[in-house]
Amino acid sequence: MLTVDYDRLDVRAGHRVLDVGCGLGRHTFESLRRGADAVACDLGRAEVTAVRDTVAALVAESEAATENGDGAEAGTESEARAGGAAESRVEAAGTLGAAVQGDGTGLPFGDAAFDRVIASEVLEHVPDDSAACAELARVLKPGGRLAVTVPAWWPEKICWMLSRDYHAPAAEGGHVRIYRKRRLRRRLAAAGLVPGRSHHAHALHSPYWWLRCAVGPNRAVGDNRSVRVYHRLLEWDIVKRPRLTRAVEWALNPVLGKSLVMYATKPAPDRFPVNDRAQASGGKAAETVTAAKTGTETETGTAAETGTAGEVVIVGAGRGA
């Protein structure tokens, strides 16, 4: 289930994509499927480990399929492990995948390192969202594009009204604010980005979360029959994607969408001065992922290893210069 529209974000083969707050990696897997080099970043170690393992499997299957000439038949096993996020094999051999444990307010990458940046359902958890937006802008290349998603205002407002346990401070690490569209636009603009078009997504999920909040968001899904039935419906919809529910959700998204999705660009060099660090590197930041906190640099193509916090874990062979 993707929240970001990849056609609007314009992710292409060969792009380097950063997925901040990757969770279980749904947007990372889609980036790989489209032939991009994908770096997943999350504060949670368990999430980073899970994504790393699946990315490694996707890249390995892509390389094996290319060597064996298997084409589009490859990748089904790891796609199942990815929960259906990857619809087919990774398109290009040599795709680079990486998993990094890091903080969104101090990303462990060099300036202007990525062509595309995604932060899906992240900013509402971060107390200093201005610092997080500044970091997203810093690691994005001039001329690059960003997609940010947050819970939409009025569906989120109902959740907060129904249950205090849904959000901070009762929920540890939970949502700390509710965004209106203009507030998100101001945050991105203050970081030096140019906010563009926006849309809403996941209308069918809003009533589900209202129901969860009404009965208690900390209760197990199976404890309440209505929640359990709705959860099964959503799982069926995500896997099967029938035309009827797709059409209904598309029609309801503008008014009922659970997520607000906003796109932004970083002004190109002729409109926005390139950061001094990026100038000094001679563009190398675009070709390497820098572990800033340790002062080490991981070149494209390094073999996969288990890393520590702030350390980049590379999977697969990168494209040559």
C-alpha atoms as a PDB file:
ATOM      1  CA  MET A   1       0.000   0.000   0.000  1.00  0.00           C
ATOM      2  CA  LEU A   2       1.661   3.193  -1.213  1.00  0.00           C
ATOM      3  CA  THR A   3       0.776   6.654   0.059  1.00  0.00           C
ATOM      4  CA  VAL A   4       3.044   8.585  -2.312  1.00  0.00           C
ATOM      5  CA  ASP A   5       2.139   8.808  -6.012  1.00  0.00           C
ATOM      6  CA  TYR A   6       5.369   7.752  -7.717  1.00  0.00           C
ATOM      7  CA  ASP A   7       4.324   9.213 -11.041  1.00  0.00           C
ATOM      8  CA  ARG A   8       3.910  12.649  -9.435  1.00  0.00           C
ATOM      9  CA  LEU A   9       7.200  12.246  -7.603  1.00  0.00           C
ATOM     10  CA  ASP A  10       8.721  11.136 -10.921  1.00  0.00           C
ATOM     11  CA  VAL A  11      10.986   8.381  -9.616  1.00  0.00           C
ATOM     12  CA  ARG A  12      13.080   6.973 -12.444  1.00  0.00           C
ATOM     13  CA  ALA A  13      15.627   4.215 -12.941  1.00  0.00           C
ATOM     14  CA  GLY A  14      19.025   5.396 -11.739  1.00  0.00           C
ATOM     15  CA  HIS A  15      17.660   7.924  -9.249  1.00  0.00           C
ATOM     16  CA  ARG A  16      18.917   7.757  -5.682  1.00  0.00           C
ATOM     17  CA  VAL A  17      15.897   7.748  -3.358  1.00  0.00           C
ATOM     18  CA  LEU A  18      15.874   8.234   0.421  1.00  0.00           C
ATOM     19  CA  ASP A  19      12.920   6.820   2.387  1.00  0.00           C
ATOM     20  CA  VAL A  20      12.954   8.569   5.785  1.00  0.00           C
ATOM     21  CA  GLY A  21      10.918   6.842   8.494  1.00  0.00           C
ATOM     22  CA  CYS A  22      10.773   3.799   6.236  1.00  0.00           C
ATOM     23  CA  GLY A  23       8.874   1.566   8.681  1.00  0.00           C
ATOM     24  CA  LEU A  24       8.602  -1.824   7.003  1.00  0.00           C
ATOM     25  CA  GLY A  25       9.829  -0.400   3.713  1.00  0.00           C
ATOM     26  CA  ARG A  26       6.824  -0.131   1.391  1.00  0.00           C
ATOM     27  CA  HIS A  27       8.165   2.970  -0.383  1.00  0.00           C
ATOM     28  CA  THR A  28      11.717   1.599  -0.425  1.00  0.00           C
ATOM     29  CA  PHE A  29      10.540  -1.531  -2.224  1.00  0.00           C
ATOM     30  CA  GLU A  30       8.593   0.469  -4.798  1.00  0.00           C
ATOM     31  CA  SER A  31      11.671   2.605  -5.494  1.00  0.00           C
ATOM     32  CA  LEU A  32      13.720  -0.545  -6.102  1.00  0.00           C
ATOM     33  CA  ARG A  33      10.993  -1.970  -8.306  1.00  0.00           C
ATOM     34  CA  ARG A  34      11.292   1.089 -10.515  1.00  0.00           C
ATOM     35  CA  GLY A  35      15.033   0.652 -10.860  1.00  0.00           C
ATOM     36  CA  ALA A  36      16.118   3.389  -8.451  1.00  0.00           C
ATOM     37  CA  ASP A  37      18.868   3.106  -5.869  1.00  0.00           C
ATOM     38  CA  ALA A  38      17.011   3.146  -2.555  1.00  0.00           C
ATOM     39  CA  VAL A  39      18.202   4.005   0.956  1.00  0.00           C
ATOM     40  CA  ALA A  40      15.822   3.225   3.823  1.00  0.00           C
ATOM     41  CA  CYS A  41      16.265   5.161   7.066  1.00  0.00           C
ATOM     42  CA  ASP A  42      14.438   4.707  10.358  1.00  0.00           C
ATOM     43  CA  LEU A  43      15.054   5.364  14.036  1.00  0.00           C
ATOM     44  CA  GLY A  44      13.961   1.826  14.932  1.00  0.00           C
ATOM     45  CA  ARG A  45      16.604  -0.873  14.698  1.00  0.00           C
ATOM     46  CA  ALA A  46      14.056  -3.654  14.163  1.00  0.00           C
ATOM     47  CA  GLU A  47      12.553  -1.821  11.173  1.00  0.00           C
ATOM     48  CA  VAL A  48      15.976  -1.208   9.620  1.00  0.00           C
ATOM     49  CA  THR A  49      16.930  -4.878  10.010  1.00  0.00           C
ATOM     50  CA  ALA A  50      13.673  -6.112   8.471  1.00  0.00           C
ATOM     51  CA  VAL A  51      13.940  -3.766   5.494  1.00  0.00           C
ATOM     52  CA  ARG A  52      17.624  -4.594   4.978  1.00  0.00           C
ATOM     53  CA  ASP A  53      16.869  -8.311   4.763  1.00  0.00           C
ATOM     54  CA  THR A  54      14.050  -7.856   2.255  1.00  0.00           C
ATOM     55  CA  VAL A  55      16.047  -5.369   0.174  1.00  0.00           C
ATOM     56  CA  ALA A  56      18.927  -7.844   0.041  1.00  0.00           C
ATOM     57  CA  ALA A  57      16.555 -10.540  -1.236  1.00  0.00           C
ATOM     58  CA  LEU A  58      15.025  -8.237  -3.858  1.00  0.00           C
ATOM     59  CA  VAL A  59      18.418  -7.128  -5.177  1.00  0.00           C
ATOM     60  CA  ALA A  60      19.793 -10.684  -5.197  1.00  0.00           C
ATOM     61  CA  GLU A  61      16.772 -11.949  -7.130  1.00  0.00           C
ATOM     62  CA  SER A  62      17.100  -9.100  -9.616  1.00  0.00           C
ATOM     63  CA  GLU A  63      20.743  -9.915 -10.257  1.00  0.00           C
ATOM     64  CA  ALA A  64      20.038 -13.652 -10.498  1.00  0.00           C
ATOM     65  CA  ALA A  65      17.115 -13.064 -12.879  1.00  0.00           C
ATOM     66  CA  THR A  66      19.268 -10.932 -15.161  1.00  0.00           C
ATOM     67  CA  GLU A  67      22.105 -13.468 -15.181  1.00  0.00           C
ATOM     68  CA  ASN A  68      19.705 -16.345 -15.889  1.00  0.00           C
ATOM     69  CA  GLY A  69      17.508 -14.435 -18.318  1.00  0.00           C
ATOM     70  CA  ASP A  70      14.398 -15.076 -16.226  1.00  0.00           C
ATOM     71  CA  GLY A  71      12.936 -11.623 -16.748  1.00  0.00           C
ATOM     72  CA  ALA A  72       9.691 -10.650 -15.054  1.00  0.00           C
ATOM     73  CA  GLU A  73       9.041 -14.105 -13.546  1.00  0.00           C
ATOM     74  CA  ALA A  74      11.555 -13.489 -10.744  1.00  0.00           C
ATOM     75  CA  GLY A  75      10.964 -11.953  -7.342  1.00  0.00           C
ATOM     76  CA  THR A  76       7.720 -13.518  -6.205  1.00  0.00           C
ATOM     77  CA  GLU A  77       9.047 -14.982  -2.952  1.00  0.00           C
ATOM     78  CA  SER A  78      10.546 -11.766  -1.597  1.00  0.00           C
ATOM     79  CA  GLU A  79       7.563  -9.770  -2.835  1.00  0.00           C
ATOM     80  CA  ALA A  80       5.369 -11.933  -0.597  1.00  0.00           C
ATOM     81  CA  ARG A  81       7.682 -11.210   2.318  1.00  0.00           C
ATOM     82  CA  ALA A  82       7.350  -7.503   1.517  1.00  0.00           C
ATOM     83  CA  GLY A  83       3.602  -7.734   1.994  1.00  0.00           C
ATOM     84  CA  GLY A  84       2.795  -7.133  -1.687  1.00  0.00           C
ATOM     85  CA  ALA A  85       4.575  -3.758  -1.794  1.00  0.00           C
ATOM     86  CA  ALA A  86       6.742  -4.845  -4.717  1.00  0.00           C
ATOM     87  CA  GLU A  87       4.601  -5.766  -7.686  1.00  0.00           C
ATOM     88  CA  SER A  88       7.376  -7.307  -9.785  1.00  0.00           C
ATOM     89  CA  ARG A  89      11.103  -7.896  -9.640  1.00  0.00           C
ATOM     90  CA  VAL A  90      13.576  -5.037  -9.335  1.00  0.00           C
ATOM     91  CA  GLU A  91      13.848  -3.732 -12.870  1.00  0.00           C
ATOM     92  CA  ALA A  92      17.603  -3.299 -13.259  1.00  0.00           C
ATOM     93  CA  ALA A  93      20.593  -5.371 -12.181  1.00  0.00           C
ATOM     94  CA  GLY A  94      23.153  -3.293 -10.311  1.00  0.00           C
ATOM     95  CA  THR A  95      20.457  -1.602  -8.234  1.00  0.00           C
ATOM     96  CA  LEU A  96      21.761  -0.382  -4.887  1.00  0.00           C
ATOM     97  CA  GLY A  97      19.836  -0.924  -1.680  1.00  0.00           C
ATOM     98  CA  ALA A  98      20.799   0.341   1.766  1.00  0.00           C
ATOM     99  CA  ALA A  99      19.308   0.370   5.256  1.00  0.00           C
ATOM    100  CA  VAL A 100      20.371   2.954   7.835  1.00  0.00           C
ATOM    101  CA  GLN A 101      19.425   3.602  11.443  1.00  0.00           C
ATOM    102  CA  GLY A 102      19.215   7.348  11.906  1.00  0.00           C
ATOM    103  CA  ASP A 103      17.354  10.338  13.348  1.00  0.00           C
ATOM    104  CA  GLY A 104      15.280  12.489  11.013  1.00  0.00           C
ATOM    105  CA  THR A 105      16.525  15.670  12.690  1.00  0.00           C
ATOM    106  CA  GLY A 106      20.161  14.717  12.061  1.00  0.00           C
ATOM    107  CA  LEU A 107      20.298  12.483   8.996  1.00  0.00           C
ATOM    108  CA  PRO A 108      23.612  10.581   8.571  1.00  0.00           C
ATOM    109  CA  PHE A 109      24.127  11.622   4.939  1.00  0.00           C
ATOM    110  CA  GLY A 110      26.057  14.274   3.065  1.00  0.00           C
ATOM    111  CA  ASP A 111      24.503  17.350   1.483  1.00  0.00           C
ATOM    112  CA  ALA A 112      22.677  16.983  -1.851  1.00  0.00           C
ATOM    113  CA  ALA A 113      23.018  13.182  -1.782  1.00  0.00           C
ATOM    114  CA  PHE A 114      19.588  12.195  -3.167  1.00  0.00           C
ATOM    115  CA  ASP A 115      17.489  12.851  -6.284  1.00  0.00           C
ATOM    116  CA  ARG A 116      14.236  12.066  -4.469  1.00  0.00           C
ATOM    117  CA  VAL A 117      13.319  12.068  -0.773  1.00  0.00           C
ATOM    118  CA  ILE A 118      10.219  10.542   0.838  1.00  0.00           C
ATOM    119  CA  ALA A 119       9.049  11.154   4.410  1.00  0.00           C
ATOM    120  CA  SER A 120       5.785   9.289   4.846  1.00  0.00           C
ATOM    121  CA  GLU A 121       3.872   9.679   8.149  1.00  0.00           C
ATOM    122  CA  VAL A 122       6.970  10.993   9.939  1.00  0.00           C
ATOM    123  CA  LEU A 123       6.678  14.704  10.753  1.00  0.00           C
ATOM    124  CA  GLU A 124       3.662  14.294  13.050  1.00  0.00           C
ATOM    125  CA  HIS A 125       5.895  12.252  15.391  1.00  0.00           C
ATOM    126  CA  VAL A 126       8.786  14.758  15.514  1.00  0.00           C
ATOM    127  CA  PRO A 127       8.715  17.509  18.170  1.00  0.00           C
ATOM    128  CA  ASP A 128      11.030  19.749  16.113  1.00  0.00           C
ATOM    129  CA  ASP A 129       9.473  19.404  12.677  1.00  0.00           C
ATOM    130  CA  SER A 130      11.303  22.512  11.411  1.00  0.00           C
ATOM    131  CA  ALA A 131      14.628  20.767  12.018  1.00  0.00           C
ATOM    132  CA  ALA A 132      13.354  17.643  10.277  1.00  0.00           C
ATOM    133  CA  CYS A 133      12.227  19.626   7.219  1.00  0.00           C
ATOM    134  CA  ALA A 134      15.603  21.386   7.102  1.00  0.00           C
ATOM    135  CA  GLU A 135      17.345  17.991   7.057  1.00  0.00           C
ATOM    136  CA  LEU A 136      15.095  16.698   4.284  1.00  0.00           C
ATOM    137  CA  ALA A 137      15.981  19.778   2.231  1.00  0.00           C
ATOM    138  CA  ARG A 138      19.699  19.495   3.006  1.00  0.00           C
ATOM    139  CA  VAL A 139      20.121  15.945   1.693  1.00  0.00           C
ATOM    140  CA  LEU A 140      18.022  16.620  -1.433  1.00  0.00           C
ATOM    141  CA  LYS A 141      19.871  17.625  -4.590  1.00  0.00           C
ATOM    142  CA  PRO A 142      19.100  21.029  -6.106  1.00  0.00           C
ATOM    143  CA  GLY A 143      16.399  20.337  -8.675  1.00  0.00           C
ATOM    144  CA  GLY A 144      15.329  17.235  -6.744  1.00  0.00           C
ATOM    145  CA  ARG A 145      11.831  16.401  -5.541  1.00  0.00           C
ATOM    146  CA  LEU A 146      10.401  15.599  -2.128  1.00  0.00           C
ATOM    147  CA  ALA A 147       7.185  13.881  -1.044  1.00  0.00           C
ATOM    148  CA  VAL A 148       5.910  14.345   2.515  1.00  0.00           C
ATOM    149  CA  THR A 149       2.797  12.699   3.926  1.00  0.00           C
ATOM    150  CA  VAL A 150       1.070  13.459   7.238  1.00  0.00           C
ATOM    151  CA  PRO A 151      -2.343  12.563   8.693  1.00  0.00           C
ATOM    152  CA  ALA A 152      -4.990  14.810   7.173  1.00  0.00           C
ATOM    153  CA  TRP A 153      -6.463  17.399   9.534  1.00  0.00           C
ATOM    154  CA  TRP A 154     -10.090  16.510  10.138  1.00  0.00           C
ATOM    155  CA  PRO A 155      -9.829  12.677  10.094  1.00  0.00           C
ATOM    156  CA  GLU A 156      -6.923  13.042  12.541  1.00  0.00           C
ATOM    157  CA  LYS A 157      -8.850  15.533  14.674  1.00  0.00           C
ATOM    158  CA  ILE A 158     -11.644  13.000  15.164  1.00  0.00           C
ATOM    159  CA  CYS A 159      -9.113  10.378  16.289  1.00  0.00           C
ATOM    160  CA  TRP A 160      -7.726  12.805  18.879  1.00  0.00           C
ATOM    161  CA  MET A 161     -11.228  13.606  20.122  1.00  0.00           C
ATOM    162  CA  LEU A 162     -12.184   9.935  20.439  1.00  0.00           C
ATOM    163  CA  SER A 163      -9.153   8.786  22.401  1.00  0.00           C
ATOM    164  CA  ARG A 164      -6.321  10.379  24.352  1.00  0.00           C
ATOM    165  CA  ASP A 165      -4.424   7.107  24.052  1.00  0.00           C
ATOM    166  CA  TYR A 166      -4.134   7.608  20.291  1.00  0.00           C
ATOM    167  CA  HIS A 167      -1.651  10.503  20.507  1.00  0.00           C
ATOM    168  CA  ALA A 168       1.149  11.914  22.638  1.00  0.00           C
ATOM    169  CA  PRO A 169       1.785  12.232  25.494  1.00  0.00           C
ATOM    170  CA  ALA A 170      -0.249   9.138  26.398  1.00  0.00           C
ATOM    171  CA  ALA A 171       1.091   7.279  23.351  1.00  0.00           C
ATOM    172  CA  GLU A 172       4.878   7.110  23.584  1.00  0.00           C
ATOM    173  CA  GLY A 173       6.347   8.222  20.273  1.00  0.00           C
ATOM    174  CA  GLY A 174       2.836   9.087  19.083  1.00  0.00           C
ATOM    175  CA  HIS A 175       1.514  12.026  17.118  1.00  0.00           C
ATOM    176  CA  VAL A 176       2.434  15.384  18.644  1.00  0.00           C
ATOM    177  CA  ARG A 177       0.501  17.702  16.311  1.00  0.00           C
ATOM    178  CA  ILE A 178      -2.214  17.861  13.672  1.00  0.00           C
ATOM    179  CA  TYR A 179      -1.372  19.507  10.344  1.00  0.00           C
ATOM    180  CA  ARG A 180      -3.495  21.711   8.197  1.00  0.00           C
ATOM    181  CA  LYS A 181      -2.331  21.960   4.604  1.00  0.00           C
ATOM    182  CA  ARG A 182      -1.119  25.546   5.000  1.00  0.00           C
ATOM    183  CA  ARG A 183       0.964  24.667   8.053  1.00  0.00           C
ATOM    184  CA  LEU A 184       2.796  21.891   6.181  1.00  0.00           C
ATOM    185  CA  ARG A 185       3.303  24.185   3.205  1.00  0.00           C
ATOM    186  CA  ARG A 186       4.837  26.852   5.464  1.00  0.00           C
ATOM    187  CA  ARG A 187       7.215  24.325   7.052  1.00  0.00           C
ATOM    188  CA  LEU A 188       8.506  23.165   3.687  1.00  0.00           C
ATOM    189  CA  ALA A 189       8.886  26.710   2.370  1.00  0.00           C
ATOM    190  CA  ALA A 190      10.804  27.757   5.495  1.00  0.00           C
ATOM    191  CA  ALA A 191      13.280  24.934   4.769  1.00  0.00           C
ATOM    192  CA  GLY A 192      14.042  26.451   1.357  1.00  0.00           C
ATOM    193  CA  LEU A 193      11.787  24.157  -0.653  1.00  0.00           C
ATOM    194  CA  VAL A 194       9.073  25.098  -3.142  1.00  0.00           C
ATOM    195  CA  PRO A 195       5.818  23.349  -2.178  1.00  0.00           C
ATOM    196  CA  GLY A 196       3.734  22.167  -5.095  1.00  0.00           C
ATOM    197  CA  ARG A 197       0.669  20.023  -5.619  1.00  0.00           C
ATOM    198  CA  SER A 198      -0.980  17.949  -2.924  1.00  0.00           C
ATOM    199  CA  HIS A 199      -3.672  15.289  -2.637  1.00  0.00           C
ATOM    200  CA  HIS A 200      -5.255  12.950  -0.096  1.00  0.00           C
ATOM    201  CA  ALA A 201      -5.013   9.162   0.169  1.00  0.00           C
ATOM    202  CA  HIS A 202      -6.468   6.162   2.032  1.00  0.00           C
ATOM    203  CA  ALA A 203     -10.054   7.326   2.561  1.00  0.00           C
ATOM    204  CA  LEU A 204     -11.143   3.802   3.506  1.00  0.00           C
ATOM    205  CA  HIS A 205      -8.703   3.856   6.420  1.00  0.00           C
ATOM    206  CA  SER A 206     -10.213   6.857   8.208  1.00  0.00           C
ATOM    207  CA  PRO A 207     -13.342   5.053   9.507  1.00  0.00           C
ATOM    208  CA  TYR A 208     -11.161   2.152  10.579  1.00  0.00           C
ATOM    209  CA  TRP A 209      -9.051   4.392  12.817  1.00  0.00           C
ATOM    210  CA  TRP A 210     -12.136   6.135  14.199  1.00  0.00           C
ATOM    211  CA  LEU A 211     -13.455   2.722  15.160  1.00  0.00           C
ATOM    212  CA  ARG A 212     -10.112   1.739  16.707  1.00  0.00           C
ATOM    213  CA  CYS A 213     -10.056   4.947  18.748  1.00  0.00           C
ATOM    214  CA  ALA A 214     -13.654   4.499  19.879  1.00  0.00           C
ATOM    215  CA  VAL A 215     -13.018   1.034  21.317  1.00  0.00           C
ATOM    216  CA  GLY A 216      -9.464   1.796  22.494  1.00  0.00           C
ATOM    217  CA  PRO A 217      -6.451   2.070  20.157  1.00  0.00           C
ATOM    218  CA  ASN A 218      -4.286  -0.068  22.453  1.00  0.00           C
ATOM    219  CA  ARG A 219      -6.632  -3.039  22.302  1.00  0.00           C
ATOM    220  CA  ALA A 220      -5.676  -5.900  20.017  1.00  0.00           C
ATOM    221  CA  VAL A 221      -7.444  -5.924  16.658  1.00  0.00           C
ATOM    222  CA  GLY A 222      -9.023  -9.270  17.437  1.00  0.00           C
ATOM    223  CA  ASP A 223     -10.620  -8.050  20.678  1.00  0.00           C
ATOM    224  CA  ASN A 224     -13.498  -6.290  18.934  1.00  0.00           C
ATOM    225  CA  ARG A 225     -15.575  -7.923  16.207  1.00  0.00           C
ATOM    226  CA  SER A 226     -16.218  -4.711  14.245  1.00  0.00           C
ATOM    227  CA  VAL A 227     -12.545  -3.773  14.252  1.00  0.00           C
ATOM    228  CA  ARG A 228     -11.569  -7.303  13.277  1.00  0.00           C
ATOM    229  CA  VAL A 229     -13.987  -7.389  10.322  1.00  0.00           C
ATOM    230  CA  TYR A 230     -12.920  -3.936   9.068  1.00  0.00           C
ATOM    231  CA  HIS A 231      -9.260  -4.906   9.378  1.00  0.00           C
ATOM    232  CA  ARG A 232      -9.859  -7.983   7.227  1.00  0.00           C
ATOM    233  CA  LEU A 233     -11.637  -5.813   4.673  1.00  0.00           C
ATOM    234  CA  LEU A 234      -8.649  -3.478   4.441  1.00  0.00           C
ATOM    235  CA  GLU A 235      -6.224  -6.385   4.122  1.00  0.00           C
ATOM    236  CA  TRP A 236      -8.339  -7.860   1.330  1.00  0.00           C
ATOM    237  CA  ASP A 237      -8.484  -4.491  -0.428  1.00  0.00           C
ATOM    238  CA  ILE A 238      -4.711  -3.969  -0.188  1.00  0.00           C
ATOM    239  CA  VAL A 239      -3.933  -7.403  -1.608  1.00  0.00           C
ATOM    240  CA  LYS A 240      -6.679  -7.723  -4.239  1.00  0.00           C
ATOM    241  CA  ARG A 241      -7.167  -4.058  -5.186  1.00  0.00           C
ATOM    242  CA  PRO A 242     -10.608  -4.622  -6.775  1.00  0.00           C
ATOM    243  CA  ARG A 243     -11.832  -1.918  -9.138  1.00  0.00           C
ATOM    244  CA  LEU A 244     -14.919  -1.177  -7.061  1.00  0.00           C
ATOM    245  CA  THR A 245     -13.084  -0.275  -3.851  1.00  0.00           C
ATOM    246  CA  ARG A 246     -10.377   1.568  -5.810  1.00  0.00           C
ATOM    247  CA  ALA A 247     -13.066   3.695  -7.452  1.00  0.00           C
ATOM    248  CA  VAL A 248     -14.862   4.331  -4.156  1.00  0.00           C
ATOM    249  CA  GLU A 249     -11.662   5.369  -2.390  1.00  0.00           C
ATOM    250  CA  TRP A 250     -10.610   7.612  -5.275  1.00  0.00           C
ATOM    251  CA  ALA A 251     -13.965   9.398  -5.052  1.00  0.00           C
ATOM    252  CA  LEU A 252     -13.792   9.743  -1.249  1.00  0.00           C
ATOM    253  CA  ASN A 253     -10.124  10.729  -0.942  1.00  0.00           C
ATOM    254  CA  PRO A 254     -10.631  14.500  -1.330  1.00  0.00           C
ATOM    255  CA  VAL A 255     -12.938  14.630   1.686  1.00  0.00           C
ATOM    256  CA  LEU A 256     -12.137  11.520   3.715  1.00  0.00           C
ATOM    257  CA  GLY A 257      -8.498  10.735   2.929  1.00  0.00           C
ATOM    258  CA  LYS A 258      -6.530   9.682   6.022  1.00  0.00           C
ATOM    259  CA  SER A 259      -3.260  11.079   4.643  1.00  0.00           C
ATOM    260  CA  LEU A 260      -2.303  14.439   3.153  1.00  0.00           C
ATOM    261  CA  VAL A 261       0.436  14.067   0.529  1.00  0.00           C
ATOM    262  CA  MET A 262       2.440  17.130  -0.518  1.00  0.00           C
ATOM    263  CA  TYR A 263       5.202  17.412  -3.104  1.00  0.00           C
ATOM    264  CA  ALA A 264       7.974  19.985  -3.176  1.00  0.00           C
ATOM    265  CA  THR A 265      11.097  20.773  -5.149  1.00  0.00           C
ATOM    266  CA  LYS A 266      14.484  22.127  -4.173  1.00  0.00           C
ATOM    267  CA  PRO A 267      15.357  25.110  -6.385  1.00  0.00           C
ATOM    268  CA  ALA A 268      17.981  24.381  -9.031  1.00  0.00           C
ATOM    269  CA  PRO A 269      21.462  25.945  -8.732  1.00  0.00           C
ATOM    270  CA  ASP A 270      20.614  28.981 -10.859  1.00  0.00           C
ATOM    271  CA  ARG A 271      17.887  29.876  -8.325  1.00  0.00           C
ATOM    272  CA  PHE A 272      19.343  28.554  -5.103  1.00  0.00           C
ATOM    273  CA  PRO A 273      23.032  28.708  -4.037  1.00  0.00           C
ATOM    274  CA  VAL A 274      24.592  25.282  -3.701  1.00  0.00           C
ATOM    275  CA  ASN A 275      25.676  24.452  -0.174  1.00  0.00           C
ATOM    276  CA  ASP A 276      29.387  25.095   0.398  1.00  0.00           C
ATOM    277  CA  ARG A 277      29.903  21.513   1.504  1.00  0.00           C
ATOM    278  CA  ALA A 278      28.433  20.195  -1.711  1.00  0.00           C
ATOM    279  CA  GLN A 279      30.666  22.569  -3.765  1.00  0.00           C
ATOM    280  CA  ALA A 280      33.757  21.455  -1.891  1.00  0.00           C
ATOM    281  CA  SER A 281      32.989  17.814  -2.596  1.00  0.00           C
ATOM    282  CA  GLY A 282      32.867  18.426  -6.342  1.00  0.00           C
ATOM    283  CA  GLY A 283      29.513  16.670  -6.566  1.00  0.00           C
ATOM    284  CA  LYS A 284      30.791  13.563  -4.799  1.00  0.00           C
ATOM    285  CA  ALA A 285      27.891  13.689  -2.361  1.00  0.00           C
ATOM    286  CA  ALA A 286      25.607  12.700  -5.198  1.00  0.00           C
ATOM    287  CA  GLU A 287      27.658   9.560  -5.783  1.00  0.00           C
ATOM    288  CA  THR A 288      28.232   8.445  -2.178  1.00  0.00           C
ATOM    289  CA  VAL A 289      26.246   7.984   0.987  1.00  0.00           C
ATOM    290  CA  THR A 290      28.130   9.579   3.876  1.00  0.00           C
ATOM    291  CA  ALA A 291      27.904   8.340   7.439  1.00  0.00           C
ATOM    292  CA  ALA A 292      28.316  11.816   8.869  1.00  0.00           C
ATOM    293  CA  LYS A 293      28.165  10.872  12.504  1.00  0.00           C
ATOM    294  CA  THR A 294      31.115   8.462  12.207  1.00  0.00           C
ATOM    295  CA  GLY A 295      33.007  10.469   9.617  1.00  0.00           C
ATOM    296  CA  THR A 296      33.113   7.486   7.264  1.00  0.00           C
ATOM    297  CA  GLU A 297      32.066   7.278   3.657  1.00  0.00           C
ATOM    298  CA  THR A 298      30.450   4.288   1.979  1.00  0.00           C
ATOM    299  CA  GLU A 299      31.142   4.048  -1.730  1.00  0.00           C
ATOM    300  CA  THR A 300      28.526   2.711  -4.116  1.00  0.00           C
ATOM    301  CA  GLY A 301      28.974  -1.045  -4.391  1.00  0.00           C
ATOM    302  CA  THR A 302      30.241  -1.915  -0.905  1.00  0.00           C
ATOM    303  CA  ALA A 303      29.293  -5.414   0.262  1.00  0.00           C
ATOM    304  CA  ALA A 304      26.438  -5.842   2.744  1.00  0.00           C
ATOM    305  CA  GLU A 305      27.266  -5.904   6.434  1.00  0.00           C
ATOM    306  CA  THR A 306      25.339  -5.451   9.650  1.00  0.00           C
ATOM    307  CA  GLY A 307      25.812  -1.887  10.888  1.00  0.00           C
ATOM    308  CA  THR A 308      25.325   0.135  14.027  1.00  0.00           C
ATOM    309  CA  ALA A 309      23.363   3.329  14.591  1.00  0.00           C
ATOM    310  CA  GLY A 310      24.392   5.970  12.097  1.00  0.00           C
ATOM    311  CA  GLU A 311      26.160   3.395   9.924  1.00  0.00           C
ATOM    312  CA  VAL A 312      25.162   2.682   6.342  1.00  0.00           C
ATOM    313  CA  VAL A 313      24.401  -0.897   5.377  1.00  0.00           C
ATOM    314  CA  ILE A 314      24.774  -1.369   1.613  1.00  0.00           C
ATOM    315  CA  VAL A 315      23.177  -4.228  -0.275  1.00  0.00           C
ATOM    316  CA  GLY A 316      23.960  -5.134  -3.894  1.00  0.00           C
ATOM    317  CA  ALA A 317      26.268  -3.761  -6.546  1.00  0.00           C
ATOM    318  CA  GLY A 318      26.018  -0.117  -7.521  1.00  0.00           C
ATOM    319  CA  ARG A 319      26.198   1.396 -10.980  1.00  0.00           C
ATOM    320  CA  GLY A 320      29.645   2.318 -12.191  1.00  0.00           C
ATOM    321  CA  ALA A 321      30.709   5.902 -12.750  1.00  0.00           C
END
